[in-house]
């Protein structure tokens, strides 16, 4: 096996190990999203699992259940966006050091 190919394989293995460590670190984190000035808080794990939604009783209006639903969706989406941004930053950093030696163009 040529030296360049061996080096490329070693780099790929190192990147794979870094990605696994990064994925474990992300899974251990939690992310929050809020809506309505903080009356709704959604908490997600780094695995993408929604673990809690907290609702301030002041927002509970039986005549406007649709608003409550909209606020919950907004809070969950905000938490998911924070998780996604962190994952992209973390995983991009883990893959950033790979030198493909011009194999992609």
PDB file of N, CA and C in Angstrom:
ATOM      1  N   UNK A   1       0.850  -1.170   0.000  1.00  0.00           N
ATOM      2  CA  UNK A   1       0.000   0.000   0.000  1.00  0.00           C
ATOM      3  C   UNK A   1       0.900   1.239   0.000  1.00  0.00           C
ATOM      4  N   UNK A   2       0.648   2.176  -0.891  1.00  0.00           N
ATOM      5  CA  UNK A   2       1.458   3.388  -0.955  1.00  0.00           C
ATOM      6  C   UNK A   2       1.365   4.172   0.352  1.00  0.00           C
ATOM      7  N   UNK A   3       2.445   4.876   0.637  1.00  0.00           N
ATOM      8  CA  UNK A   3       2.527   5.647   1.874  1.00  0.00           C
ATOM      9  C   UNK A   3       1.389   6.665   1.964  1.00  0.00           C
ATOM     10  N   UNK A   4       1.055   7.336   0.866  1.00  0.00           N
ATOM     11  CA  UNK A   4      -0.018   8.332   0.883  1.00  0.00           C
ATOM     12  C   UNK A   4      -1.357   7.701   1.249  1.00  0.00           C
ATOM     13  N   UNK A   5      -1.624   6.522   0.728  1.00  0.00           N
ATOM     14  CA  UNK A   5      -2.889   5.844   1.012  1.00  0.00           C
ATOM     15  C   UNK A   5      -2.936   5.419   2.477  1.00  0.00           C
ATOM     16  N   UNK A   6      -1.833   4.939   3.009  1.00  0.00           N
ATOM     17  CA  UNK A   6      -1.767   4.535   4.406  1.00  0.00           C
ATOM     18  C   UNK A   6      -2.025   5.747   5.311  1.00  0.00           C
ATOM     19  N   UNK A   7      -1.428   6.878   4.947  1.00  0.00           N
ATOM     20  CA  UNK A   7      -1.615   8.103   5.719  1.00  0.00           C
ATOM     21  C   UNK A   7      -3.083   8.558   5.653  1.00  0.00           C
ATOM     22  N   UNK A   8      -3.675   8.459   4.483  1.00  0.00           N
ATOM     23  CA  UNK A   8      -5.075   8.831   4.322  1.00  0.00           C
ATOM     24  C   UNK A   8      -5.973   7.941   5.179  1.00  0.00           C
ATOM     25  N   UNK A   9      -5.685   6.665   5.219  1.00  0.00           N
ATOM     26  CA  UNK A   9      -6.482   5.735   6.027  1.00  0.00           C
ATOM     27  C   UNK A   9      -6.330   6.048   7.512  1.00  0.00           C
ATOM     28  N   UNK A  10      -5.132   6.408   7.935  1.00  0.00           N
ATOM     29  CA  UNK A  10      -4.914   6.772   9.332  1.00  0.00           C
ATOM     30  C   UNK A  10      -5.694   8.040   9.681  1.00  0.00           C
ATOM     31  N   UNK A  11      -5.687   9.012   8.775  1.00  0.00           N
ATOM     32  CA  UNK A  11      -6.432  10.249   8.999  1.00  0.00           C
ATOM     33  C   UNK A  11      -7.927   9.960   9.090  1.00  0.00           C
ATOM     34  N   UNK A  12      -8.417   9.083   8.241  1.00  0.00           N
ATOM     35  CA  UNK A  12      -9.837   8.730   8.252  1.00  0.00           C
ATOM     36  C   UNK A  12     -10.210   8.034   9.557  1.00  0.00           C
ATOM     37  N   UNK A  13      -9.346   7.169  10.039  1.00  0.00           N
ATOM     38  CA  UNK A  13      -9.600   6.478  11.303  1.00  0.00           C
ATOM     39  C   UNK A  13      -9.604   7.472  12.469  1.00  0.00           C
ATOM     40  N   UNK A  14      -8.671   8.409  12.468  1.00  0.00           N
ATOM     41  CA  UNK A  14      -8.632   9.427  13.511  1.00  0.00           C
ATOM     42  C   UNK A  14      -9.896  10.279  13.478  1.00  0.00           C
ATOM     43  N   UNK A  15     -10.329  10.647  12.276  1.00  0.00           N
ATOM     44  CA  UNK A  15     -11.546  11.444  12.140  1.00  0.00           C
ATOM     45  C   UNK A  15     -12.747  10.667  12.660  1.00  0.00           C
ATOM     46  N   UNK A  16     -12.808   9.383  12.369  1.00  0.00           N
ATOM     47  CA  UNK A  16     -13.921   8.549  12.827  1.00  0.00           C
ATOM     48  C   UNK A  16     -13.951   8.503  14.356  1.00  0.00           C
ATOM     49  N   UNK A  17     -12.784   8.397  14.981  1.00  0.00           N
ATOM     50  CA  UNK A  17     -12.717   8.379  16.437  1.00  0.00           C
ATOM     51  C   UNK A  17     -13.146   9.731  17.009  1.00  0.00           C
ATOM     52  N   UNK A  18     -12.723  10.820  16.373  1.00  0.00           N
ATOM     53  CA  UNK A  18     -13.103  12.159  16.831  1.00  0.00           C
ATOM     54  C   UNK A  18     -14.613  12.363  16.693  1.00  0.00           C
ATOM     55  N   UNK A  19     -15.179  11.862  15.613  1.00  0.00           N
ATOM     56  CA  UNK A  19     -16.623  11.989  15.390  1.00  0.00           C
ATOM     57  C   UNK A  19     -17.396  11.218  16.463  1.00  0.00           C
ATOM     58  N   UNK A  20     -16.933  10.039  16.823  1.00  0.00           N
ATOM     59  CA  UNK A  20     -17.605   9.246  17.849  1.00  0.00           C
ATOM     60  C   UNK A  20     -17.567   9.966  19.196  1.00  0.00           C
ATOM     61  N   UNK A  21     -16.435  10.536  19.535  1.00  0.00           N
ATOM     62  CA  UNK A  21     -16.310  11.293  20.784  1.00  0.00           C
ATOM     63  C   UNK A  21     -17.226  12.514  20.757  1.00  0.00           C
ATOM     64  N   UNK A  22     -17.258  13.202  19.615  1.00  0.00           N
ATOM     65  CA  UNK A  22     -18.110  14.387  19.476  1.00  0.00           C
ATOM     66  C   UNK A  22     -19.584  14.010  19.601  1.00  0.00           C
ATOM     67  N   UNK A  23     -19.989  12.901  19.007  1.00  0.00           N
ATOM     68  CA  UNK A  23     -21.383  12.462  19.089  1.00  0.00           C
ATOM     69  C   UNK A  23     -21.776  12.139  20.528  1.00  0.00           C
ATOM     70  N   UNK A  24     -20.871  11.496  21.266  1.00  0.00           N
ATOM     71  CA  UNK A  24     -21.146  11.190  22.667  1.00  0.00           C
ATOM     72  C   UNK A  24     -21.296  12.469  23.480  1.00  0.00           C
ATOM     73  N   UNK A  25     -20.434  13.437  23.221  1.00  0.00           N
ATOM     74  CA  UNK A  25     -20.499  14.711  23.944  1.00  0.00           C
ATOM     75  C   UNK A  25     -21.803  15.442  23.638  1.00  0.00           C
ATOM     76  N   UNK A  26     -22.218  15.439  22.382  1.00  0.00           N
ATOM     77  CA  UNK A  26     -23.467  16.087  22.004  1.00  0.00           C
ATOM     78  C   UNK A  26     -24.671  15.407  22.654  1.00  0.00           C
ATOM     79  N   UNK A  27     -24.659  14.092  22.699  1.00  0.00           N
ATOM     80  CA  UNK A  27     -25.782  13.344  23.277  1.00  0.00           C
ATOM     81  C   UNK A  27     -25.945  13.644  24.758  1.00  0.00           C
ATOM     82  N   UNK A  28     -24.863  14.007  25.430  1.00  0.00           N
ATOM     83  CA  UNK A  28     -24.919  14.289  26.869  1.00  0.00           C
ATOM     84  C   UNK A  28     -25.422  15.697  27.179  1.00  0.00           C
ATOM     85  N   UNK A  29     -25.496  16.554  26.181  1.00  0.00           N
ATOM     86  CA  UNK A  29     -25.918  17.941  26.406  1.00  0.00           C
ATOM     87  C   UNK A  29     -27.442  18.074  26.354  1.00  0.00           C
ATOM     88  N   UNK A  30     -27.923  19.189  26.918  1.00  0.00           N
ATOM     89  CA  UNK A  30     -29.335  19.542  26.780  1.00  0.00           C
ATOM     90  C   UNK A  30     -29.413  20.936  26.167  1.00  0.00           C
ATOM     91  N   UNK A  31     -30.513  21.183  25.484  1.00  0.00           N
ATOM     92  CA  UNK A  31     -30.730  22.448  24.785  1.00  0.00           C
ATOM     93  C   UNK A  31     -32.116  22.961  25.145  1.00  0.00           C
ATOM     94  N   UNK A  32     -32.209  24.268  25.376  1.00  0.00           N
ATOM     95  CA  UNK A  32     -33.490  24.876  25.711  1.00  0.00           C
ATOM     96  C   UNK A  32     -33.923  25.859  24.642  1.00  0.00           C
ATOM     97  N   UNK A  33     -35.205  25.927  24.475  1.00  0.00           N
ATOM     98  CA  UNK A  33     -35.817  26.931  23.616  1.00  0.00           C
ATOM     99  C   UNK A  33     -36.957  27.557  24.392  1.00  0.00           C
ATOM    100  N   UNK A  34     -37.178  28.838  24.171  1.00  0.00           N
ATOM    101  CA  UNK A  34     -38.267  29.514  24.869  1.00  0.00           C
ATOM    102  C   UNK A  34     -39.139  30.241  23.856  1.00  0.00           C
ATOM    103  N   UNK A  35     -40.336  30.564  24.297  1.00  0.00           N
ATOM    104  CA  UNK A  35     -41.263  31.326  23.454  1.00  0.00           C
ATOM    105  C   UNK A  35     -42.164  32.158  24.357  1.00  0.00           C
ATOM    106  N   UNK A  36     -42.745  33.173  23.759  1.00  0.00           N
ATOM    107  CA  UNK A  36     -43.673  34.016  24.495  1.00  0.00           C
ATOM    108  C   UNK A  36     -43.011  34.771  25.636  1.00  0.00           C
ATOM    109  N   UNK A  37     -41.784  35.176  25.418  1.00  0.00           N
ATOM    110  CA  UNK A  37     -41.081  35.909  26.472  1.00  0.00           C
ATOM    111  C   UNK A  37     -40.711  35.037  27.657  1.00  0.00           C
ATOM    112  N   UNK A  38     -40.617  33.731  27.440  1.00  0.00           N
ATOM    113  CA  UNK A  38     -40.204  32.819  28.497  1.00  0.00           C
ATOM    114  C   UNK A  38     -41.345  32.078  29.176  1.00  0.00           C
ATOM    115  N   UNK A  39     -42.583  32.251  28.708  1.00  0.00           N
ATOM    116  CA  UNK A  39     -43.702  31.550  29.338  1.00  0.00           C
ATOM    117  C   UNK A  39     -43.734  30.064  28.967  1.00  0.00           C
ATOM    118  N   UNK A  40     -43.040  29.717  27.889  1.00  0.00           N
ATOM    119  CA  UNK A  40     -42.909  28.316  27.480  1.00  0.00           C
ATOM    120  C   UNK A  40     -41.418  28.010  27.357  1.00  0.00           C
ATOM    121  N   UNK A  41     -41.001  26.898  27.960  1.00  0.00           N
ATOM    122  CA  UNK A  41     -39.616  26.441  27.826  1.00  0.00           C
ATOM    123  C   UNK A  41     -39.634  24.977  27.413  1.00  0.00           C
ATOM    124  N   UNK A  42     -38.918  24.668  26.346  1.00  0.00           N
ATOM    125  CA  UNK A  42     -38.779  23.290  25.878  1.00  0.00           C
ATOM    126  C   UNK A  42     -37.328  22.870  26.066  1.00  0.00           C
ATOM    127  N   UNK A  43     -37.118  21.662  26.566  1.00  0.00           N
ATOM    128  CA  UNK A  43     -35.774  21.139  26.788  1.00  0.00           C
ATOM    129  C   UNK A  43     -35.604  19.846  25.992  1.00  0.00           C
ATOM    130  N   UNK A  44     -34.518  19.803  25.209  1.00  0.00           N
ATOM    131  CA  UNK A  44     -34.205  18.621  24.397  1.00  0.00           C
ATOM    132  C   UNK A  44     -32.831  18.098  24.773  1.00  0.00           C
ATOM    133  N   UNK A  45     -32.678  16.796  24.641  1.00  0.00           N
ATOM    134  CA  UNK A  45     -31.360  16.202  24.781  1.00  0.00           C
ATOM    135  C   UNK A  45     -30.649  16.292  23.437  1.00  0.00           C
ATOM    136  N   UNK A  46     -29.336  16.151  23.470  1.00  0.00           N
ATOM    137  CA  UNK A  46     -28.553  16.188  22.247  1.00  0.00           C
ATOM    138  C   UNK A  46     -28.869  15.059  21.292  1.00  0.00           C
ATOM    139  N   UNK A  47     -29.599  14.070  21.746  1.00  0.00           N
ATOM    140  CA  UNK A  47     -30.029  12.964  20.889  1.00  0.00           C
ATOM    141  C   UNK A  47     -31.250  13.348  20.067  1.00  0.00           C
ATOM    142  N   UNK A  48     -31.831  14.529  20.382  1.00  0.00           N
ATOM    143  CA  UNK A  48     -33.029  14.971  19.694  1.00  0.00           C
ATOM    144  C   UNK A  48     -34.307  14.656  20.439  1.00  0.00           C
ATOM    145  N   UNK A  49     -34.189  13.997  21.583  1.00  0.00           N
ATOM    146  CA  UNK A  49     -35.365  13.640  22.369  1.00  0.00           C
ATOM    147  C   UNK A  49     -35.860  14.854  23.161  1.00  0.00           C
ATOM    148  N   UNK A  50     -37.139  15.150  23.031  1.00  0.00           N
ATOM    149  CA  UNK A  50     -37.766  16.211  23.805  1.00  0.00           C
ATOM    150  C   UNK A  50     -37.995  15.655  25.210  1.00  0.00           C
ATOM    151  N   UNK A  51     -37.408  16.305  26.229  1.00  0.00           N
ATOM    152  CA  UNK A  51     -37.511  15.754  27.583  1.00  0.00           C
ATOM    153  C   UNK A  51     -38.477  16.519  28.480  1.00  0.00           C
ATOM    154  N   UNK A  52     -38.733  17.789  28.175  1.00  0.00           N
ATOM    155  CA  UNK A  52     -39.719  18.502  28.985  1.00  0.00           C
ATOM    156  C   UNK A  52     -40.215  19.749  28.276  1.00  0.00           C
ATOM    157  N   UNK A  53     -41.430  20.131  28.631  1.00  0.00           N
ATOM    158  CA  UNK A  53     -42.020  21.393  28.210  1.00  0.00           C
ATOM    159  C   UNK A  53     -42.623  21.996  29.472  1.00  0.00           C
ATOM    160  N   UNK A  54     -42.188  23.202  29.798  1.00  0.00           N
ATOM    161  CA  UNK A  54     -42.696  23.903  30.972  1.00  0.00           C
ATOM    162  C   UNK A  54     -43.586  25.046  30.503  1.00  0.00           C
ATOM    163  N   UNK A  55     -44.768  25.141  31.110  1.00  0.00           N
ATOM    164  CA  UNK A  55     -45.740  26.148  30.724  1.00  0.00           C
ATOM    165  C   UNK A  55     -46.059  27.017  31.939  1.00  0.00           C
ATOM    166  N   UNK A  56     -45.858  28.312  31.810  1.00  0.00           N
ATOM    167  CA  UNK A  56     -46.255  29.249  32.858  1.00  0.00           C
ATOM    168  C   UNK A  56     -47.783  29.303  32.864  1.00  0.00           C
ATOM    169  N   UNK A  57     -48.421  29.104  34.022  1.00  0.00           N
ATOM    170  CA  UNK A  57     -49.890  29.098  34.075  1.00  0.00           C
ATOM    171  C   UNK A  57     -50.545  30.366  33.535  1.00  0.00           C
ATOM    172  N   UNK A  58     -49.823  31.468  33.506  1.00  0.00           N
ATOM    173  CA  UNK A  58     -50.422  32.714  33.017  1.00  0.00           C
ATOM    174  C   UNK A  58     -50.787  32.645  31.540  1.00  0.00           C
ATOM    175  N   UNK A  59     -50.217  31.694  30.804  1.00  0.00           N
ATOM    176  CA  UNK A  59     -50.488  31.591  29.373  1.00  0.00           C
ATOM    177  C   UNK A  59     -51.652  30.633  29.077  1.00  0.00           C
ATOM    178  N   UNK A  60     -52.183  29.983  30.107  1.00  0.00           N
ATOM    179  CA  UNK A  60     -53.266  29.028  29.915  1.00  0.00           C
ATOM    180  C   UNK A  60     -54.606  29.762  29.794  1.00  0.00           C
ATOM    181  N   UNK A  61     -55.053  29.888  28.569  1.00  0.00           N
ATOM    182  CA  UNK A  61     -56.323  30.550  28.270  1.00  0.00           C
ATOM    183  C   UNK A  61     -57.200  29.554  27.519  1.00  0.00           C
ATOM    184  N   UNK A  62     -58.249  29.042  28.166  1.00  0.00           N
ATOM    185  CA  UNK A  62     -59.084  28.034  27.499  1.00  0.00           C
ATOM    186  C   UNK A  62     -59.722  28.532  26.205  1.00  0.00           C
ATOM    187  N   UNK A  63     -59.800  29.835  26.043  1.00  0.00           N
ATOM    188  CA  UNK A  63     -60.388  30.390  24.824  1.00  0.00           C
ATOM    189  C   UNK A  63     -59.368  30.560  23.707  1.00  0.00           C
ATOM    190  N   UNK A  64     -58.083  30.298  24.010  1.00  0.00           N
ATOM    191  CA  UNK A  64     -57.043  30.472  22.987  1.00  0.00           C
ATOM    192  C   UNK A  64     -56.013  29.345  23.065  1.00  0.00           C
ATOM    193  N   UNK A  65     -56.501  28.116  22.958  1.00  0.00           N
ATOM    194  CA  UNK A  65     -55.617  26.947  23.011  1.00  0.00           C
ATOM    195  C   UNK A  65     -54.632  26.940  21.840  1.00  0.00           C
ATOM    196  N   UNK A  66     -55.038  27.525  20.725  1.00  0.00           N
ATOM    197  CA  UNK A  66     -54.167  27.570  19.552  1.00  0.00           C
ATOM    198  C   UNK A  66     -52.883  28.341  19.845  1.00  0.00           C
ATOM    199  N   UNK A  67     -52.983  29.421  20.602  1.00  0.00           N
ATOM    200  CA  UNK A  67     -51.795  30.200  20.970  1.00  0.00           C
ATOM    201  C   UNK A  67     -50.823  29.336  21.764  1.00  0.00           C
ATOM    202  N   UNK A  68     -51.339  28.575  22.712  1.00  0.00           N
ATOM    203  CA  UNK A  68     -50.482  27.698  23.517  1.00  0.00           C
ATOM    204  C   UNK A  68     -49.750  26.707  22.615  1.00  0.00           C
ATOM    205  N   UNK A  69     -50.467  26.113  21.701  1.00  0.00           N
ATOM    206  CA  UNK A  69     -49.838  25.174  20.774  1.00  0.00           C
ATOM    207  C   UNK A  69     -48.757  25.837  19.946  1.00  0.00           C
ATOM    208  N   UNK A  70     -49.036  27.028  19.445  1.00  0.00           N
ATOM    209  CA  UNK A  70     -48.045  27.762  18.643  1.00  0.00           C
ATOM    210  C   UNK A  70     -46.797  28.078  19.452  1.00  0.00           C
ATOM    211  N   UNK A  71     -46.993  28.474  20.711  1.00  0.00           N
ATOM    212  CA  UNK A  71     -45.845  28.790  21.569  1.00  0.00           C
ATOM    213  C   UNK A  71     -45.002  27.546  21.854  1.00  0.00           C
ATOM    214  N   UNK A  72     -45.657  26.425  22.069  1.00  0.00           N
ATOM    215  CA  UNK A  72     -44.916  25.179  22.312  1.00  0.00           C
ATOM    216  C   UNK A  72     -44.112  24.794  21.081  1.00  0.00           C
ATOM    217  N   UNK A  73     -44.727  24.874  19.917  1.00  0.00           N
ATOM    218  CA  UNK A  73     -44.010  24.555  18.673  1.00  0.00           C
ATOM    219  C   UNK A  73     -42.799  25.476  18.505  1.00  0.00           C
ATOM    220  N   UNK A  74     -42.977  26.766  18.774  1.00  0.00           N
ATOM    221  CA  UNK A  74     -41.876  27.719  18.628  1.00  0.00           C
ATOM    222  C   UNK A  74     -40.735  27.395  19.592  1.00  0.00           C
ATOM    223  N   UNK A  75     -41.058  27.052  20.828  1.00  0.00           N
ATOM    224  CA  UNK A  75     -40.021  26.731  21.814  1.00  0.00           C
ATOM    225  C   UNK A  75     -39.271  25.457  21.435  1.00  0.00           C
ATOM    226  N   UNK A  76     -40.000  24.439  20.993  1.00  0.00           N
ATOM    227  CA  UNK A  76     -39.363  23.185  20.580  1.00  0.00           C
ATOM    228  C   UNK A  76     -38.476  23.419  19.356  1.00  0.00           C
ATOM    229  N   UNK A  77     -38.967  24.183  18.405  1.00  0.00           N
ATOM    230  CA  UNK A  77     -38.163  24.475  17.208  1.00  0.00           C
ATOM    231  C   UNK A  77     -36.896  25.245  17.559  1.00  0.00           C
ATOM    232  N   UNK A  78     -36.987  26.158  18.518  1.00  0.00           N
ATOM    233  CA  UNK A  78     -35.809  26.916  18.938  1.00  0.00           C
ATOM    234  C   UNK A  78     -34.781  26.000  19.602  1.00  0.00           C
ATOM    235  N   UNK A  79     -35.237  25.088  20.454  1.00  0.00           N
ATOM    236  CA  UNK A  79     -34.328  24.136  21.091  1.00  0.00           C
ATOM    237  C   UNK A  79     -33.675  23.234  20.037  1.00  0.00           C
ATOM    238  N   UNK A  80     -34.462  22.780  19.071  1.00  0.00           N
ATOM    239  CA  UNK A  80     -33.925  21.922  18.007  1.00  0.00           C
ATOM    240  C   UNK A  80     -32.900  22.666  17.160  1.00  0.00           C
ATOM    241  N   UNK A  81     -33.150  23.939  16.894  1.00  0.00           N
ATOM    242  CA  UNK A  81     -32.200  24.727  16.105  1.00  0.00           C
ATOM    243  C   UNK A  81     -30.893  24.916  16.863  1.00  0.00           C
ATOM    244  N   UNK A  82     -30.970  25.127  18.174  1.00  0.00           N
ATOM    245  CA  UNK A  82     -29.755  25.264  18.981  1.00  0.00           C
ATOM    246  C   UNK A  82     -28.965  23.967  18.980  1.00  0.00           C
ATOM    247  N   UNK A  83     -29.672  22.852  19.095  1.00  0.00           N
ATOM    248  CA  UNK A  83     -29.016  21.545  19.073  1.00  0.00           C
ATOM    249  C   UNK A  83     -28.354  21.308  17.716  1.00  0.00           C
ATOM    250  N   UNK A  84     -29.047  21.618  16.633  1.00  0.00           N
ATOM    251  CA  UNK A  84     -28.512  21.418  15.285  1.00  0.00           C
ATOM    252  C   UNK A  84     -27.280  22.281  15.032  1.00  0.00           C
ATOM    253  N   UNK A  85     -27.340  23.533  15.464  1.00  0.00           N
ATOM    254  CA  UNK A  85     -26.193  24.432  15.274  1.00  0.00           C
ATOM    255  C   UNK A  85     -24.981  23.931  16.036  1.00  0.00           C
ATOM    256  N   UNK A  86     -25.197  23.442  17.250  1.00  0.00           N
ATOM    257  CA  UNK A  86     -24.085  22.910  18.046  1.00  0.00           C
ATOM    258  C   UNK A  86     -23.526  21.649  17.397  1.00  0.00           C
ATOM    259  N   UNK A  87     -24.406  20.794  16.891  1.00  0.00           N
ATOM    260  CA  UNK A  87     -23.955  19.564  16.240  1.00  0.00           C
ATOM    261  C   UNK A  87     -23.126  19.873  14.998  1.00  0.00           C
ATOM    262  N   UNK A  88     -23.583  20.825  14.196  1.00  0.00           N
ATOM    263  CA  UNK A  88     -22.838  21.188  12.989  1.00  0.00           C
ATOM    264  C   UNK A  88     -21.475  21.767  13.329  1.00  0.00           C
ATOM    265  N   UNK A  89     -21.419  22.614  14.347  1.00  0.00           N
ATOM    266  CA  UNK A  89     -20.144  23.208  14.750  1.00  0.00           C
ATOM    267  C   UNK A  89     -19.203  22.146  15.300  1.00  0.00           C
ATOM    268  N   UNK A  90     -19.737  21.242  16.108  1.00  0.00           N
ATOM    269  CA  UNK A  90     -18.914  20.204  16.721  1.00  0.00           C
ATOM    270  C   UNK A  90     -18.437  19.190  15.692  1.00  0.00           C
ATOM    271  N   UNK A  91     -19.340  18.715  14.860  1.00  0.00           N
ATOM    272  CA  UNK A  91     -18.972  17.693  13.876  1.00  0.00           C
ATOM    273  C   UNK A  91     -18.105  18.285  12.771  1.00  0.00           C
ATOM    274  N   UNK A  92     -18.354  19.520  12.406  1.00  0.00           N
ATOM    275  CA  UNK A  92     -17.513  20.170  11.405  1.00  0.00           C
ATOM    276  C   UNK A  92     -16.088  20.306  11.895  1.00  0.00           C
ATOM    277  N   UNK A  93     -15.929  20.595  13.168  1.00  0.00           N
ATOM    278  CA  UNK A  93     -14.597  20.701  13.750  1.00  0.00           C
ATOM    279  C   UNK A  93     -13.889  19.364  13.776  1.00  0.00           C
ATOM    280  N   UNK A  94     -14.647  18.297  14.016  1.00  0.00           N
ATOM    281  CA  UNK A  94     -14.039  16.966  14.064  1.00  0.00           C
ATOM    282  C   UNK A  94     -13.579  16.526  12.678  1.00  0.00           C
ATOM    283  N   UNK A  95     -14.286  16.950  11.642  1.00  0.00           N
ATOM    284  CA  UNK A  95     -13.947  16.533  10.281  1.00  0.00           C
ATOM    285  C   UNK A  95     -12.988  17.501   9.592  1.00  0.00           C
ATOM    286  N   UNK A  96     -12.809  18.664  10.172  1.00  0.00           N
ATOM    287  CA  UNK A  96     -12.044  19.715   9.511  1.00  0.00           C
ATOM    288  C   UNK A  96     -10.594  19.410   9.242  1.00  0.00           C
ATOM    289  N   UNK A  97      -9.998  18.501  10.003  1.00  0.00           N
ATOM    290  CA  UNK A  97      -8.579  18.245   9.842  1.00  0.00           C
ATOM    291  C   UNK A  97      -8.239  17.184   8.812  1.00  0.00           C
ATOM    292  N   UNK A  98      -9.208  16.616   8.173  1.00  0.00           N
ATOM    293  CA  UNK A  98      -8.941  15.542   7.222  1.00  0.00           C
ATOM    294  C   UNK A  98      -8.409  16.082   5.913  1.00  0.00           C
ATOM    295  N   UNK A  99      -7.259  15.598   5.515  1.00  0.00           N
ATOM    296  CA  UNK A  99      -6.642  15.994   4.248  1.00  0.00           C
ATOM    297  C   UNK A  99      -6.899  14.879   3.249  1.00  0.00           C
ATOM    298  N   UNK A 100      -7.768  15.116   2.292  1.00  0.00           N
ATOM    299  CA  UNK A 100      -8.110  14.095   1.300  1.00  0.00           C
ATOM    300  C   UNK A 100      -7.148  14.102   0.125  1.00  0.00           C
ATOM    301  N   UNK A 101      -6.133  14.903   0.180  1.00  0.00           N
ATOM    302  CA  UNK A 101      -5.102  14.870  -0.847  1.00  0.00           C
ATOM    303  C   UNK A 101      -5.624  15.120  -2.250  1.00  0.00           C
ATOM    304  N   UNK A 102      -6.609  15.971  -2.382  1.00  0.00           N
ATOM    305  CA  UNK A 102      -7.133  16.300  -3.703  1.00  0.00           C
ATOM    306  C   UNK A 102      -8.080  15.283  -4.273  1.00  0.00           C
ATOM    307  N   UNK A 103      -8.524  14.299  -3.476  1.00  0.00           N
ATOM    308  CA  UNK A 103      -9.396  13.247  -3.984  1.00  0.00           C
ATOM    309  C   UNK A 103     -10.778  13.760  -4.368  1.00  0.00           C
ATOM    310  N   UNK A 104     -11.197  14.907  -3.813  1.00  0.00           N
ATOM    311  CA  UNK A 104     -12.527  15.420  -4.123  1.00  0.00           C
ATOM    312  C   UNK A 104     -12.505  16.528  -5.166  1.00  0.00           C
ATOM    313  N   UNK A 105     -11.447  16.621  -5.885  1.00  0.00           N
ATOM    314  CA  UNK A 105     -11.457  17.625  -6.922  1.00  0.00           C
ATOM    315  C   UNK A 105     -10.215  18.394  -6.845  1.00  0.00           C
TER     316      UNK A 105
END
